[in-house]
Amino acid sequence: MAEVQIINGESVESALKRFKRKVLNEDIIKDIKRHAFYLKPGQKIRVKAALARKRNRKNRTRDFESDHNRK
């Protein structure tokens, strides 16, 4: 659970910024989205495989572009 203590003389805006940063660092939003609905075990495997394919495709194009720029 993300928690921020307000320091004396600190504005609410700066405390809110620190809170938002802490929430992003702890991946709370990602966890909530993941638990928002139920996925069957087979669907989880398919989603995981699709994300891996997407990640690999992105890395291949990035590698290709860097190799192309070197020549």
C-alpha atoms as a PDB file:
ATOM      1  CA  MET A   1       0.000   0.000   0.000  1.00  0.00           C
ATOM      2  CA  ALA A   2       1.461   3.344  -1.039  1.00  0.00           C
ATOM      3  CA  GLU A   3       1.588   5.870   1.754  1.00  0.00           C
ATOM      4  CA  VAL A   4       3.037   9.387   1.892  1.00  0.00           C
ATOM      5  CA  GLN A   5       3.571  11.486   4.999  1.00  0.00           C
ATOM      6  CA  ILE A   6       3.201  15.241   4.526  1.00  0.00           C
ATOM      7  CA  ILE A   7       6.235  17.103   5.817  1.00  0.00           C
ATOM      8  CA  ASN A   8       5.739  20.427   7.653  1.00  0.00           C
ATOM      9  CA  GLY A   9       5.430  23.281   5.186  1.00  0.00           C
ATOM     10  CA  GLU A  10       5.002  20.951   2.197  1.00  0.00           C
ATOM     11  CA  SER A  11       2.269  21.771  -0.268  1.00  0.00           C
ATOM     12  CA  VAL A  12      -0.430  19.255  -1.073  1.00  0.00           C
ATOM     13  CA  GLU A  13       0.593  19.316  -4.751  1.00  0.00           C
ATOM     14  CA  SER A  14       4.142  18.176  -4.012  1.00  0.00           C
ATOM     15  CA  ALA A  15       2.870  15.446  -1.675  1.00  0.00           C
ATOM     16  CA  LEU A  16       0.477  14.313  -4.407  1.00  0.00           C
ATOM     17  CA  LYS A  17       3.368  14.178  -6.897  1.00  0.00           C
ATOM     18  CA  ARG A  18       5.362  12.013  -4.484  1.00  0.00           C
ATOM     19  CA  PHE A  19       2.331   9.750  -3.996  1.00  0.00           C
ATOM     20  CA  LYS A  20       1.806   9.316  -7.744  1.00  0.00           C
ATOM     21  CA  ARG A  21       5.483   8.521  -8.233  1.00  0.00           C
ATOM     22  CA  LYS A  22       5.348   5.948  -5.457  1.00  0.00           C
ATOM     23  CA  VAL A  23       2.245   4.304  -6.977  1.00  0.00           C
ATOM     24  CA  LEU A  24       3.995   4.067 -10.364  1.00  0.00           C
ATOM     25  CA  ASN A  25       7.139   2.582  -8.815  1.00  0.00           C
ATOM     26  CA  GLU A  26       5.175  -0.060  -6.913  1.00  0.00           C
ATOM     27  CA  ASP A  27       3.162  -1.079 -10.032  1.00  0.00           C
ATOM     28  CA  ILE A  28      -0.124  -0.810  -8.158  1.00  0.00           C
ATOM     29  CA  ILE A  29      -2.063   0.270 -11.262  1.00  0.00           C
ATOM     30  CA  LYS A  30      -0.677  -2.642 -13.310  1.00  0.00           C
ATOM     31  CA  ASP A  31      -1.693  -5.078 -10.571  1.00  0.00           C
ATOM     32  CA  ILE A  32      -5.229  -3.650 -10.397  1.00  0.00           C
ATOM     33  CA  LYS A  33      -5.644  -3.919 -14.166  1.00  0.00           C
ATOM     34  CA  ARG A  34      -4.398  -7.516 -14.092  1.00  0.00           C
ATOM     35  CA  HIS A  35      -6.972  -8.476 -11.436  1.00  0.00           C
ATOM     36  CA  ALA A  36      -9.832  -6.486 -12.995  1.00  0.00           C
ATOM     37  CA  PHE A  37     -11.233  -9.582 -14.733  1.00  0.00           C
ATOM     38  CA  TYR A  38     -10.735 -13.330 -14.690  1.00  0.00           C
ATOM     39  CA  LEU A  39      -8.664 -15.055 -17.347  1.00  0.00           C
ATOM     40  CA  LYS A  40      -8.818 -18.789 -17.835  1.00  0.00           C
ATOM     41  CA  PRO A  41      -5.450 -20.506 -17.541  1.00  0.00           C
ATOM     42  CA  GLY A  42      -5.338 -21.168 -21.295  1.00  0.00           C
ATOM     43  CA  GLN A  43      -6.096 -17.513 -22.028  1.00  0.00           C
ATOM     44  CA  LYS A  44      -3.281 -16.449 -19.672  1.00  0.00           C
ATOM     45  CA  ILE A  45      -0.832 -18.608 -21.624  1.00  0.00           C
ATOM     46  CA  ARG A  46      -2.012 -17.169 -24.956  1.00  0.00           C
ATOM     47  CA  VAL A  47      -1.768 -13.574 -23.678  1.00  0.00           C
ATOM     48  CA  LYS A  48       1.693 -14.209 -22.259  1.00  0.00           C
ATOM     49  CA  ALA A  49       2.852 -15.754 -25.546  1.00  0.00           C
ATOM     50  CA  ALA A  50       1.399 -12.852 -27.544  1.00  0.00           C
ATOM     51  CA  LEU A  51       3.231 -10.331 -25.359  1.00  0.00           C
ATOM     52  CA  ALA A  52       6.475 -12.277 -25.801  1.00  0.00           C
ATOM     53  CA  ARG A  53       6.017 -12.293 -29.594  1.00  0.00           C
ATOM     54  CA  LYS A  54       5.358  -8.560 -29.557  1.00  0.00           C
ATOM     55  CA  ARG A  55       8.424  -7.917 -27.396  1.00  0.00           C
ATOM     56  CA  ASN A  56      10.638 -10.079 -29.633  1.00  0.00           C
ATOM     57  CA  ARG A  57       9.339  -8.393 -32.791  1.00  0.00           C
ATOM     58  CA  LYS A  58      10.060  -4.988 -31.281  1.00  0.00           C
ATOM     59  CA  ASN A  59      13.588  -6.047 -30.298  1.00  0.00           C
ATOM     60  CA  ARG A  60      14.271  -7.492 -33.770  1.00  0.00           C
ATOM     61  CA  THR A  61      13.227  -4.279 -35.515  1.00  0.00           C
ATOM     62  CA  ARG A  62      15.316  -2.246 -33.080  1.00  0.00           C
ATOM     63  CA  ASP A  63      18.340  -4.494 -33.747  1.00  0.00           C
ATOM     64  CA  PHE A  64      17.766  -4.309 -37.498  1.00  0.00           C
ATOM     65  CA  GLU A  65      17.612  -0.509 -37.402  1.00  0.00           C
ATOM     66  CA  SER A  66      20.790  -0.257 -35.339  1.00  0.00           C
ATOM     67  CA  ASP A  67      22.619  -2.643 -37.717  1.00  0.00           C
ATOM     68  CA  HIS A  68      21.319  -0.709 -40.714  1.00  0.00           C
ATOM     69  CA  ASN A  69      22.531   2.607 -39.252  1.00  0.00           C
ATOM     70  CA  ARG A  70      26.033   1.260 -38.587  1.00  0.00           C
ATOM     71  CA  LYS A  71      26.752   0.464 -42.235  1.00  0.00           C
END
